[in-house]
């Protein structure tokens, strides 16, 4: 019984850590930076004008979506 409880506590701890990572600002920042770098490289390869500036557009969209989706989720949950 103690072994099962210990295993459940360990599983719950891992789930809480995963959830914290999914909602963390660090994760958002890492994804935004990776997205920016990949898009800059792509824009340079296709010789698009102002790749450093134009790569900010999708990154800004990602950041805005992460900010607004949490509010929309709260609204959706409250309607259930």
PDB file of N, CA and C in Angstrom:
ATOM      1  N   UNK A   1       0.829  -1.199   0.000  1.00  0.00           N
ATOM      2  CA  UNK A   1       0.000   0.000   0.000  1.00  0.00           C
ATOM      3  C   UNK A   1       0.869   1.256   0.000  1.00  0.00           C
ATOM      4  N   UNK A   2       1.902   1.278   0.856  1.00  0.00           N
ATOM      5  CA  UNK A   2       2.792   2.432   0.915  1.00  0.00           C
ATOM      6  C   UNK A   2       3.524   2.619  -0.402  1.00  0.00           C
ATOM      7  N   UNK A   3       3.868   1.508  -1.039  1.00  0.00           N
ATOM      8  CA  UNK A   3       4.571   1.575  -2.321  1.00  0.00           C
ATOM      9  C   UNK A   3       3.675   2.199  -3.395  1.00  0.00           C
ATOM     10  N   UNK A   4       2.401   1.822  -3.384  1.00  0.00           N
ATOM     11  CA  UNK A   4       1.444   2.377  -4.348  1.00  0.00           C
ATOM     12  C   UNK A   4       1.228   3.866  -4.110  1.00  0.00           C
ATOM     13  N   UNK A   5       1.101   4.246  -2.863  1.00  0.00           N
ATOM     14  CA  UNK A   5       0.921   5.667  -2.524  1.00  0.00           C
ATOM     15  C   UNK A   5       2.145   6.463  -2.948  1.00  0.00           C
ATOM     16  N   UNK A   6       3.312   5.902  -2.693  1.00  0.00           N
ATOM     17  CA  UNK A   6       4.556   6.570  -3.081  1.00  0.00           C
ATOM     18  C   UNK A   6       4.634   6.728  -4.602  1.00  0.00           C
ATOM     19  N   UNK A   7       4.232   5.687  -5.336  1.00  0.00           N
ATOM     20  CA  UNK A   7       4.245   5.748  -6.804  1.00  0.00           C
ATOM     21  C   UNK A   7       3.254   6.797  -7.301  1.00  0.00           C
ATOM     22  N   UNK A   8       2.081   6.876  -6.687  1.00  0.00           N
ATOM     23  CA  UNK A   8       1.089   7.887  -7.074  1.00  0.00           C
ATOM     24  C   UNK A   8       1.594   9.301  -6.793  1.00  0.00           C
ATOM     25  N   UNK A   9       2.231   9.491  -5.660  1.00  0.00           N
ATOM     26  CA  UNK A   9       2.778  10.808  -5.331  1.00  0.00           C
ATOM     27  C   UNK A   9       3.849  11.210  -6.333  1.00  0.00           C
ATOM     28  N   UNK A  10       4.702  10.254  -6.710  1.00  0.00           N
ATOM     29  CA  UNK A  10       5.755  10.547  -7.688  1.00  0.00           C
ATOM     30  C   UNK A  10       5.142  10.894  -9.042  1.00  0.00           C
ATOM     31  N   UNK A  11       4.124  10.155  -9.446  1.00  0.00           N
ATOM     32  CA  UNK A  11       3.451  10.433 -10.711  1.00  0.00           C
ATOM     33  C   UNK A  11       2.816  11.817 -10.681  1.00  0.00           C
ATOM     34  N   UNK A  12       2.139  12.135  -9.576  1.00  0.00           N
ATOM     35  CA  UNK A  12       1.510  13.454  -9.444  1.00  0.00           C
ATOM     36  C   UNK A  12       2.540  14.570  -9.488  1.00  0.00           C
ATOM     37  N   UNK A  13       3.696  14.346  -8.882  1.00  0.00           N
ATOM     38  CA  UNK A  13       4.761  15.350  -8.903  1.00  0.00           C
ATOM     39  C   UNK A  13       5.222  15.596 -10.336  1.00  0.00           C
ATOM     40  N   UNK A  14       5.385  14.516 -11.107  1.00  0.00           N
ATOM     41  CA  UNK A  14       5.815  14.655 -12.508  1.00  0.00           C
ATOM     42  C   UNK A  14       4.759  15.381 -13.335  1.00  0.00           C
ATOM     43  N   UNK A  15       3.494  15.054 -13.093  1.00  0.00           N
ATOM     44  CA  UNK A  15       2.407  15.710 -13.824  1.00  0.00           C
ATOM     45  C   UNK A  15       2.374  17.200 -13.499  1.00  0.00           C
ATOM     46  N   UNK A  16       2.559  17.557 -12.239  1.00  0.00           N
ATOM     47  CA  UNK A  16       2.574  18.963 -11.841  1.00  0.00           C
ATOM     48  C   UNK A  16       3.740  19.714 -12.474  1.00  0.00           C
ATOM     49  N   UNK A  17       4.900  19.068 -12.538  1.00  0.00           N
ATOM     50  CA  UNK A  17       6.066  19.694 -13.170  1.00  0.00           C
ATOM     51  C   UNK A  17       5.811  19.900 -14.658  1.00  0.00           C
ATOM     52  N   UNK A  18       5.243  18.884 -15.326  1.00  0.00           N
ATOM     53  CA  UNK A  18       4.932  19.016 -16.752  1.00  0.00           C
ATOM     54  C   UNK A  18       3.930  20.144 -16.994  1.00  0.00           C
ATOM     55  N   UNK A  19       2.922  20.230 -16.149  1.00  0.00           N
ATOM     56  CA  UNK A  19       1.916  21.290 -16.298  1.00  0.00           C
ATOM     57  C   UNK A  19       2.546  22.663 -16.073  1.00  0.00           C
ATOM     58  N   UNK A  20       3.425  22.751 -15.077  1.00  0.00           N
ATOM     59  CA  UNK A  20       4.101  24.023 -14.810  1.00  0.00           C
ATOM     60  C   UNK A  20       4.947  24.440 -16.010  1.00  0.00           C
ATOM     61  N   UNK A  21       5.609  23.476 -16.646  1.00  0.00           N
ATOM     62  CA  UNK A  21       6.432  23.777 -17.823  1.00  0.00           C
ATOM     63  C   UNK A  21       5.546  24.247 -18.974  1.00  0.00           C
ATOM     64  N   UNK A  22       4.432  23.572 -19.190  1.00  0.00           N
ATOM     65  CA  UNK A  22       3.536  23.922 -20.293  1.00  0.00           C
ATOM     66  C   UNK A  22       3.001  25.343 -20.183  1.00  0.00           C
ATOM     67  N   UNK A  23       2.851  25.838 -18.974  1.00  0.00           N
ATOM     68  CA  UNK A  23       2.294  27.180 -18.787  1.00  0.00           C
ATOM     69  C   UNK A  23       3.354  28.224 -18.418  1.00  0.00           C
ATOM     70  N   UNK A  24       4.619  27.831 -18.447  1.00  0.00           N
ATOM     71  CA  UNK A  24       5.667  28.742 -17.982  1.00  0.00           C
ATOM     72  C   UNK A  24       6.039  29.801 -19.020  1.00  0.00           C
ATOM     73  N   UNK A  25       6.471  30.920 -18.525  1.00  0.00           N
ATOM     74  CA  UNK A  25       6.959  31.992 -19.395  1.00  0.00           C
ATOM     75  C   UNK A  25       8.273  31.594 -20.049  1.00  0.00           C
ATOM     76  N   UNK A  26       9.047  30.772 -19.366  1.00  0.00           N
ATOM     77  CA  UNK A  26      10.311  30.291 -19.938  1.00  0.00           C
ATOM     78  C   UNK A  26      10.054  29.501 -21.211  1.00  0.00           C
ATOM     79  N   UNK A  27       9.057  28.612 -21.180  1.00  0.00           N
ATOM     80  CA  UNK A  27       8.715  27.815 -22.363  1.00  0.00           C
ATOM     81  C   UNK A  27       8.281  28.723 -23.505  1.00  0.00           C
ATOM     82  N   UNK A  28       7.437  29.703 -23.205  1.00  0.00           N
ATOM     83  CA  UNK A  28       6.988  30.643 -24.239  1.00  0.00           C
ATOM     84  C   UNK A  28       8.163  31.390 -24.853  1.00  0.00           C
ATOM     85  N   UNK A  29       9.088  31.821 -24.003  1.00  0.00           N
ATOM     86  CA  UNK A  29      10.249  32.552 -24.493  1.00  0.00           C
ATOM     87  C   UNK A  29      11.123  31.669 -25.375  1.00  0.00           C
ATOM     88  N   UNK A  30      11.355  30.434 -24.963  1.00  0.00           N
ATOM     89  CA  UNK A  30      12.178  29.513 -25.748  1.00  0.00           C
ATOM     90  C   UNK A  30      11.538  29.258 -27.112  1.00  0.00           C
ATOM     91  N   UNK A  31      10.228  29.015 -27.126  1.00  0.00           N
ATOM     92  CA  UNK A  31       9.538  28.784 -28.400  1.00  0.00           C
ATOM     93  C   UNK A  31       9.583  30.029 -29.277  1.00  0.00           C
ATOM     94  N   UNK A  32       9.397  31.196 -28.686  1.00  0.00           N
ATOM     95  CA  UNK A  32       9.442  32.446 -29.458  1.00  0.00           C
ATOM     96  C   UNK A  32      10.827  32.658 -30.066  1.00  0.00           C
ATOM     97  N   UNK A  33      11.873  32.422 -29.282  1.00  0.00           N
ATOM     98  CA  UNK A  33      13.237  32.597 -29.797  1.00  0.00           C
ATOM     99  C   UNK A  33      13.550  31.589 -30.898  1.00  0.00           C
ATOM    100  N   UNK A  34      13.162  30.348 -30.701  1.00  0.00           N
ATOM    101  CA  UNK A  34      13.398  29.328 -31.728  1.00  0.00           C
ATOM    102  C   UNK A  34      12.644  29.672 -33.005  1.00  0.00           C
ATOM    103  N   UNK A  35      11.403  30.113 -32.861  1.00  0.00           N
ATOM    104  CA  UNK A  35      10.603  30.500 -34.016  1.00  0.00           C
ATOM    105  C   UNK A  35      11.250  31.660 -34.756  1.00  0.00           C
ATOM    106  N   UNK A  36      11.700  32.655 -34.008  1.00  0.00           N
ATOM    107  CA  UNK A  36      12.341  33.825 -34.622  1.00  0.00           C
ATOM    108  C   UNK A  36      13.580  33.416 -35.414  1.00  0.00           C
ATOM    109  N   UNK A  37      14.431  32.609 -34.811  1.00  0.00           N
ATOM    110  CA  UNK A  37      15.673  32.195 -35.474  1.00  0.00           C
ATOM    111  C   UNK A  37      15.380  31.396 -36.740  1.00  0.00           C
ATOM    112  N   UNK A  38      14.453  30.457 -36.662  1.00  0.00           N
ATOM    113  CA  UNK A  38      14.117  29.640 -37.826  1.00  0.00           C
ATOM    114  C   UNK A  38      13.537  30.494 -38.946  1.00  0.00           C
ATOM    115  N   UNK A  39      12.678  31.434 -38.607  1.00  0.00           N
ATOM    116  CA  UNK A  39      12.065  32.274 -39.637  1.00  0.00           C
ATOM    117  C   UNK A  39      13.073  33.237 -40.240  1.00  0.00           C
ATOM    118  N   UNK A  40      13.977  33.778 -39.420  1.00  0.00           N
ATOM    119  CA  UNK A  40      15.023  34.643 -39.960  1.00  0.00           C
ATOM    120  C   UNK A  40      15.856  33.865 -40.975  1.00  0.00           C
ATOM    121  N   UNK A  41      16.245  32.655 -40.617  1.00  0.00           N
ATOM    122  CA  UNK A  41      17.046  31.829 -41.544  1.00  0.00           C
ATOM    123  C   UNK A  41      16.270  31.586 -42.838  1.00  0.00           C
ATOM    124  N   UNK A  42      15.008  31.231 -42.705  1.00  0.00           N
ATOM    125  CA  UNK A  42      14.179  30.997 -43.885  1.00  0.00           C
ATOM    126  C   UNK A  42      14.078  32.252 -44.751  1.00  0.00           C
ATOM    127  N   UNK A  43      13.821  33.389 -44.131  1.00  0.00           N
ATOM    128  CA  UNK A  43      13.682  34.634 -44.896  1.00  0.00           C
ATOM    129  C   UNK A  43      14.993  35.032 -45.575  1.00  0.00           C
ATOM    130  N   UNK A  44      16.104  34.770 -44.916  1.00  0.00           N
ATOM    131  CA  UNK A  44      17.408  35.048 -45.544  1.00  0.00           C
ATOM    132  C   UNK A  44      17.615  34.135 -46.745  1.00  0.00           C
ATOM    133  N   UNK A  45      17.271  32.849 -46.591  1.00  0.00           N
ATOM    134  CA  UNK A  45      17.455  31.892 -47.688  1.00  0.00           C
ATOM    135  C   UNK A  45      16.615  32.237 -48.908  1.00  0.00           C
ATOM    136  N   UNK A  46      15.426  32.764 -48.705  1.00  0.00           N
ATOM    137  CA  UNK A  46      14.591  33.131 -49.857  1.00  0.00           C
ATOM    138  C   UNK A  46      14.808  34.585 -50.280  1.00  0.00           C
ATOM    139  N   UNK A  47      15.782  35.207 -49.644  1.00  0.00           N
ATOM    140  CA  UNK A  47      16.162  36.588 -49.965  1.00  0.00           C
ATOM    141  C   UNK A  47      14.997  37.570 -49.827  1.00  0.00           C
ATOM    142  N   UNK A  48      14.244  37.410 -48.767  1.00  0.00           N
ATOM    143  CA  UNK A  48      13.140  38.319 -48.490  1.00  0.00           C
ATOM    144  C   UNK A  48      13.690  39.628 -47.909  1.00  0.00           C
ATOM    145  N   UNK A  49      13.014  40.729 -48.132  1.00  0.00           N
ATOM    146  CA  UNK A  49      13.484  41.998 -47.577  1.00  0.00           C
ATOM    147  C   UNK A  49      13.294  42.042 -46.054  1.00  0.00           C
ATOM    148  N   UNK A  50      14.213  42.694 -45.386  1.00  0.00           N
ATOM    149  CA  UNK A  50      14.153  42.898 -43.931  1.00  0.00           C
ATOM    150  C   UNK A  50      13.831  41.634 -43.122  1.00  0.00           C
ATOM    151  N   UNK A  51      14.633  40.579 -43.268  1.00  0.00           N
ATOM    152  CA  UNK A  51      14.300  39.337 -42.562  1.00  0.00           C
ATOM    153  C   UNK A  51      14.287  39.483 -41.039  1.00  0.00           C
ATOM    154  N   UNK A  52      15.161  40.319 -40.494  1.00  0.00           N
ATOM    155  CA  UNK A  52      15.226  40.473 -39.038  1.00  0.00           C
ATOM    156  C   UNK A  52      13.968  41.122 -38.487  1.00  0.00           C
ATOM    157  N   UNK A  53      13.415  42.045 -39.247  1.00  0.00           N
ATOM    158  CA  UNK A  53      12.189  42.721 -38.825  1.00  0.00           C
ATOM    159  C   UNK A  53      10.949  41.876 -39.140  1.00  0.00           C
ATOM    160  N   UNK A  54      10.904  41.318 -40.339  1.00  0.00           N
ATOM    161  CA  UNK A  54       9.727  40.551 -40.756  1.00  0.00           C
ATOM    162  C   UNK A  54       9.543  39.271 -39.942  1.00  0.00           C
ATOM    163  N   UNK A  55      10.604  38.745 -39.378  1.00  0.00           N
ATOM    164  CA  UNK A  55      10.491  37.530 -38.564  1.00  0.00           C
ATOM    165  C   UNK A  55       9.776  37.806 -37.245  1.00  0.00           C
ATOM    166  N   UNK A  56       9.657  39.068 -36.887  1.00  0.00           N
ATOM    167  CA  UNK A  56       8.966  39.400 -35.638  1.00  0.00           C
ATOM    168  C   UNK A  56       7.454  39.177 -35.720  1.00  0.00           C
ATOM    169  N   UNK A  57       6.902  39.216 -36.940  1.00  0.00           N
ATOM    170  CA  UNK A  57       5.452  39.107 -37.099  1.00  0.00           C
ATOM    171  C   UNK A  57       4.912  37.771 -36.561  1.00  0.00           C
ATOM    172  N   UNK A  58       5.434  36.618 -37.007  1.00  0.00           N
ATOM    173  CA  UNK A  58       4.892  35.368 -36.465  1.00  0.00           C
ATOM    174  C   UNK A  58       5.196  35.180 -34.978  1.00  0.00           C
ATOM    175  N   UNK A  59       6.331  35.690 -34.538  1.00  0.00           N
ATOM    176  CA  UNK A  59       6.674  35.595 -33.114  1.00  0.00           C
ATOM    177  C   UNK A  59       5.680  36.408 -32.287  1.00  0.00           C
ATOM    178  N   UNK A  60       5.358  37.588 -32.751  1.00  0.00           N
ATOM    179  CA  UNK A  60       4.371  38.419 -32.054  1.00  0.00           C
ATOM    180  C   UNK A  60       3.012  37.718 -32.040  1.00  0.00           C
ATOM    181  N   UNK A  61       2.653  37.074 -33.143  1.00  0.00           N
ATOM    182  CA  UNK A  61       1.399  36.326 -33.196  1.00  0.00           C
ATOM    183  C   UNK A  61       1.387  35.186 -32.199  1.00  0.00           C
ATOM    184  N   UNK A  62       2.503  34.485 -32.091  1.00  0.00           N
ATOM    185  CA  UNK A  62       2.590  33.389 -31.120  1.00  0.00           C
ATOM    186  C   UNK A  62       2.426  33.918 -29.699  1.00  0.00           C
ATOM    187  N   UNK A  63       3.141  34.975 -29.379  1.00  0.00           N
ATOM    188  CA  UNK A  63       3.078  35.526 -28.024  1.00  0.00           C
ATOM    189  C   UNK A  63       1.666  36.018 -27.712  1.00  0.00           C
ATOM    190  N   UNK A  64       1.047  36.705 -28.661  1.00  0.00           N
ATOM    191  CA  UNK A  64      -0.329  37.172 -28.440  1.00  0.00           C
ATOM    192  C   UNK A  64      -1.293  36.006 -28.258  1.00  0.00           C
ATOM    193  N   UNK A  65      -1.088  34.951 -29.017  1.00  0.00           N
ATOM    194  CA  UNK A  65      -1.995  33.805 -28.888  1.00  0.00           C
ATOM    195  C   UNK A  65      -1.850  33.132 -27.535  1.00  0.00           C
ATOM    196  N   UNK A  66      -0.652  33.100 -26.993  1.00  0.00           N
ATOM    197  CA  UNK A  66      -0.475  32.473 -25.681  1.00  0.00           C
ATOM    198  C   UNK A  66      -1.064  33.333 -24.575  1.00  0.00           C
ATOM    199  N   UNK A  67      -1.110  34.622 -24.794  1.00  0.00           N
ATOM    200  CA  UNK A  67      -1.696  35.502 -23.787  1.00  0.00           C
ATOM    201  C   UNK A  67      -3.213  35.433 -23.804  1.00  0.00           C
ATOM    202  N   UNK A  68      -3.793  35.426 -24.990  1.00  0.00           N
ATOM    203  CA  UNK A  68      -5.243  35.465 -25.082  1.00  0.00           C
ATOM    204  C   UNK A  68      -5.875  34.100 -24.903  1.00  0.00           C
ATOM    205  N   UNK A  69      -5.192  33.032 -25.261  1.00  0.00           N
ATOM    206  CA  UNK A  69      -5.790  31.712 -25.153  1.00  0.00           C
ATOM    207  C   UNK A  69      -6.070  31.325 -23.709  1.00  0.00           C
ATOM    208  N   UNK A  70      -5.229  31.739 -22.786  1.00  0.00           N
ATOM    209  CA  UNK A  70      -5.491  31.391 -21.390  1.00  0.00           C
ATOM    210  C   UNK A  70      -6.773  32.063 -20.904  1.00  0.00           C
ATOM    211  N   UNK A  71      -7.009  33.282 -21.337  1.00  0.00           N
ATOM    212  CA  UNK A  71      -8.247  33.970 -20.957  1.00  0.00           C
ATOM    213  C   UNK A  71      -9.459  33.309 -21.612  1.00  0.00           C
ATOM    214  N   UNK A  72      -9.313  32.928 -22.886  1.00  0.00           N
ATOM    215  CA  UNK A  72     -10.410  32.243 -23.555  1.00  0.00           C
ATOM    216  C   UNK A  72     -10.677  30.888 -22.914  1.00  0.00           C
ATOM    217  N   UNK A  73      -9.642  30.198 -22.487  1.00  0.00           N
ATOM    218  CA  UNK A  73      -9.810  28.914 -21.803  1.00  0.00           C
ATOM    219  C   UNK A  73     -10.601  29.094 -20.512  1.00  0.00           C
ATOM    220  N   UNK A  74     -10.263  30.128 -19.741  1.00  0.00           N
ATOM    221  CA  UNK A  74     -10.991  30.385 -18.502  1.00  0.00           C
ATOM    222  C   UNK A  74     -12.480  30.621 -18.789  1.00  0.00           C
ATOM    223  N   UNK A  75     -12.759  31.386 -19.812  1.00  0.00           N
ATOM    224  CA  UNK A  75     -14.141  31.649 -20.191  1.00  0.00           C
ATOM    225  C   UNK A  75     -14.834  30.361 -20.613  1.00  0.00           C
ATOM    226  N   UNK A  76     -14.176  29.567 -21.417  1.00  0.00           N
ATOM    227  CA  UNK A  76     -14.734  28.307 -21.883  1.00  0.00           C
ATOM    228  C   UNK A  76     -15.016  27.357 -20.711  1.00  0.00           C
ATOM    229  N   UNK A  77     -14.081  27.262 -19.780  1.00  0.00           N
ATOM    230  CA  UNK A  77     -14.258  26.396 -18.615  1.00  0.00           C
ATOM    231  C   UNK A  77     -15.422  26.867 -17.759  1.00  0.00           C
ATOM    232  N   UNK A  78     -15.555  28.184 -17.611  1.00  0.00           N
ATOM    233  CA  UNK A  78     -16.645  28.706 -16.773  1.00  0.00           C
ATOM    234  C   UNK A  78     -18.015  28.440 -17.401  1.00  0.00           C
ATOM    235  N   UNK A  79     -18.071  28.255 -18.718  1.00  0.00           N
ATOM    236  CA  UNK A  79     -19.340  27.998 -19.390  1.00  0.00           C
ATOM    237  C   UNK A  79     -19.716  26.521 -19.324  1.00  0.00           C
ATOM    238  N   UNK A  80     -18.823  25.665 -18.954  1.00  0.00           N
ATOM    239  CA  UNK A  80     -19.094  24.214 -18.897  1.00  0.00           C
ATOM    240  C   UNK A  80     -19.837  23.832 -17.657  1.00  0.00           C
TER     241      UNK A  80
END
